[in-house]
Amino acid sequence: MPTQQLTPDQVEQLGEATGKIAALAAKALHHTWPHLRLKDLVEQFTRDSALELIALTYPEGIEHDRTPGEAAGEAGAVLIRVWADARLEARAQLDAQRTDGPATEPVVVCACGTSVPDNDEARRGHADAWHSEKSPAVWGPPVVPRRHT
């Protein structure tokens, strides 16, 4: 984080860089994995928490004598790693629920491909973490997953 107060020009430059980093990170993921909807990625990467992460990591790179391009690349890589770690953690929790829970516990599948237990708390948790009013979670009918033995 910068040790001194930013000037209005620096704030504008940081805002512009932050937006570009979020957009480029979303495009990179979408290019590599086209099944990830670009619109959803951009939305996730422009949430307050993601923008705060970029706004912290980008200036740190500049302070460590990185070029703006290098600092932006590092900030984008951090954003993607944090996003991927969150998805992996969510998947691990879901897998643990599937193996620990009864085989007859129904789940619902969101249009984004994520399945959660068929209850309001799980639906809200997924919707709050991965969706917004502009891109709400859309649920399919409940299904009973098969237990792998």
Protein backbone atom coordinates (compact mmCIF):
# COMPACT_ATOMS: atom_id res chain seq x y z
CA MET A 1 0.00 0.00 0.00
CA PRO A 2 1.35 3.46 -0.78
CA THR A 3 2.84 5.09 2.28
CA GLN A 4 1.65 8.55 1.31
CA GLN A 5 -1.69 10.09 0.34
CA LEU A 6 -2.46 9.70 -3.36
CA THR A 7 -3.05 12.75 -5.52
CA PRO A 8 -6.28 12.97 -7.51
CA ASP A 9 -4.31 12.07 -10.66
CA GLN A 10 -2.79 9.04 -8.95
CA VAL A 11 -6.23 7.93 -7.74
CA GLU A 12 -7.54 8.18 -11.30
CA GLN A 13 -4.55 6.24 -12.66
CA LEU A 14 -4.98 3.55 -9.99
CA GLY A 15 -8.69 3.27 -10.80
CA GLU A 16 -7.95 2.91 -14.50
CA ALA A 17 -5.23 0.32 -13.89
CA THR A 18 -7.48 -1.61 -11.50
CA GLY A 19 -10.26 -1.82 -14.08
CA LYS A 20 -7.86 -2.94 -16.80
CA ILE A 21 -6.31 -5.59 -14.55
CA ALA A 22 -9.74 -7.00 -13.64
CA ALA A 23 -10.80 -7.08 -17.29
CA LEU A 24 -7.58 -8.69 -18.51
CA ALA A 25 -7.68 -11.33 -15.76
CA ALA A 26 -11.27 -12.20 -16.71
CA LYS A 27 -10.38 -12.37 -20.41
CA ALA A 28 -7.37 -14.58 -19.70
CA LEU A 29 -9.44 -17.08 -17.72
CA HIS A 30 -12.21 -17.07 -20.29
CA HIS A 31 -9.71 -17.62 -23.10
CA THR A 32 -8.19 -20.60 -21.30
CA TRP A 33 -11.52 -22.02 -20.10
CA PRO A 34 -14.26 -20.81 -22.47
CA HIS A 35 -16.97 -22.51 -20.40
CA LEU A 36 -16.42 -19.79 -17.79
CA ARG A 37 -18.72 -16.96 -18.83
CA LEU A 38 -16.78 -13.76 -19.43
CA LYS A 39 -19.65 -11.65 -18.08
CA ASP A 40 -19.63 -13.59 -14.79
CA LEU A 41 -15.84 -13.36 -14.48
CA VAL A 42 -15.86 -9.61 -15.08
CA GLU A 43 -18.61 -9.23 -12.51
CA GLN A 44 -16.71 -11.30 -9.94
CA PHE A 45 -13.44 -9.48 -10.60
CA THR A 46 -15.07 -6.04 -10.24
CA ARG A 47 -16.64 -6.70 -6.85
CA ASP A 48 -15.39 -4.53 -4.03
CA SER A 49 -13.22 -7.26 -2.52
CA ALA A 50 -11.51 -8.01 -5.84
CA LEU A 51 -10.93 -4.34 -6.62
CA GLU A 52 -9.50 -3.79 -3.14
CA LEU A 53 -7.10 -6.70 -3.70
CA ILE A 54 -5.93 -5.22 -7.00
CA ALA A 55 -5.69 -1.74 -5.49
CA LEU A 56 -3.38 -3.15 -2.80
CA THR A 57 -1.19 -5.43 -4.89
CA TYR A 58 -0.65 -3.18 -7.92
CA PRO A 59 0.89 -0.23 -5.98
CA GLU A 60 3.01 -2.68 -3.98
CA GLY A 61 4.54 -3.86 -7.25
CA ILE A 62 5.24 -0.28 -8.29
CA GLU A 63 6.83 0.42 -4.89
CA HIS A 64 9.10 -2.60 -5.44
CA ASP A 65 10.43 -1.05 -8.67
CA ARG A 66 8.31 -3.16 -11.04
CA THR A 67 7.23 -1.58 -14.31
CA PRO A 68 3.50 -0.79 -14.48
CA GLY A 69 3.07 -3.80 -16.77
CA GLU A 70 4.90 -6.13 -14.39
CA ALA A 71 2.97 -4.80 -11.40
CA ALA A 72 -0.31 -5.21 -13.28
CA GLY A 73 0.60 -8.76 -14.30
CA GLU A 74 1.44 -9.67 -10.71
CA ALA A 75 -1.79 -8.11 -9.41
CA GLY A 76 -3.80 -10.00 -12.02
CA ALA A 77 -2.06 -13.26 -11.13
CA VAL A 78 -2.81 -12.71 -7.43
CA LEU A 79 -6.46 -12.02 -8.27
CA ILE A 80 -6.75 -15.22 -10.32
CA ARG A 81 -5.01 -17.29 -7.61
CA VAL A 82 -7.32 -15.98 -4.89
CA TRP A 83 -10.36 -16.62 -7.11
CA ALA A 84 -9.17 -20.14 -7.96
CA ASP A 85 -8.40 -20.93 -4.31
CA ALA A 86 -11.92 -19.83 -3.33
CA ARG A 87 -13.44 -22.07 -6.01
CA LEU A 88 -11.30 -25.02 -4.96
CA GLU A 89 -12.25 -24.52 -1.32
CA ALA A 90 -15.95 -24.37 -2.22
CA ARG A 91 -15.60 -27.54 -4.30
CA ALA A 92 -13.75 -29.32 -1.48
CA GLN A 93 -16.50 -28.37 0.98
CA LEU A 94 -19.14 -29.62 -1.42
CA ASP A 95 -17.26 -32.88 -1.98
CA ALA A 96 -16.89 -33.35 1.78
CA GLN A 97 -20.62 -32.80 2.25
CA ARG A 98 -21.33 -35.36 -0.44
CA THR A 99 -19.17 -38.05 1.15
CA ASP A 100 -20.21 -37.26 4.73
CA GLY A 101 -23.91 -36.77 4.10
CA PRO A 102 -26.53 -39.35 3.34
CA ALA A 103 -26.73 -40.54 -0.25
CA THR A 104 -30.32 -39.37 -0.41
CA GLU A 105 -29.67 -35.70 0.40
CA PRO A 106 -30.93 -33.70 -2.59
CA VAL A 107 -28.87 -30.96 -4.22
CA VAL A 108 -29.72 -28.19 -6.63
CA VAL A 109 -27.51 -27.15 -9.53
CA CYS A 110 -27.01 -23.49 -10.37
CA ALA A 111 -26.86 -22.39 -14.00
CA CYS A 112 -23.14 -21.68 -13.43
CA GLY A 113 -22.59 -25.42 -12.85
CA THR A 114 -22.15 -25.41 -9.08
CA SER A 115 -24.26 -27.80 -7.03
CA VAL A 116 -25.20 -27.10 -3.41
CA PRO A 117 -27.41 -28.85 -0.85
CA ASP A 118 -31.09 -28.13 -1.42
CA ASN A 119 -31.61 -25.66 1.41
CA ASP A 120 -31.97 -21.89 1.69
CA GLU A 121 -28.68 -21.37 3.56
CA ALA A 122 -26.59 -23.16 0.91
CA ARG A 123 -28.38 -21.37 -1.93
CA ARG A 124 -27.90 -17.96 -0.27
CA GLY A 125 -24.24 -18.69 0.46
CA HIS A 126 -23.55 -19.60 -3.16
CA ALA A 127 -25.56 -16.69 -4.53
CA ASP A 128 -23.84 -14.18 -2.22
CA ALA A 129 -20.37 -15.45 -3.07
CA TRP A 130 -20.68 -15.92 -6.83
CA HIS A 131 -23.66 -13.94 -8.12
CA SER A 132 -25.30 -10.53 -7.92
CA GLU A 133 -28.55 -8.78 -8.76
CA LYS A 134 -27.32 -8.33 -12.35
CA SER A 135 -26.41 -12.00 -12.64
CA PRO A 136 -28.57 -13.90 -10.15
CA ALA A 137 -28.19 -17.57 -9.30
CA VAL A 138 -30.64 -19.65 -11.35
CA TRP A 139 -31.44 -23.03 -9.82
CA GLY A 140 -32.49 -26.25 -11.47
CA PRO A 141 -34.81 -28.75 -9.82
CA PRO A 142 -33.52 -30.75 -6.83
CA VAL A 143 -31.72 -33.98 -7.68
CA VAL A 144 -30.35 -36.80 -5.57
CA PRO A 145 -26.68 -37.35 -6.39
CA ARG A 146 -25.31 -40.84 -6.66
CA ARG A 147 -22.75 -41.77 -4.07
CA HIS A 148 -19.54 -43.01 -5.63
CA THR A 149 -18.42 -46.21 -3.96
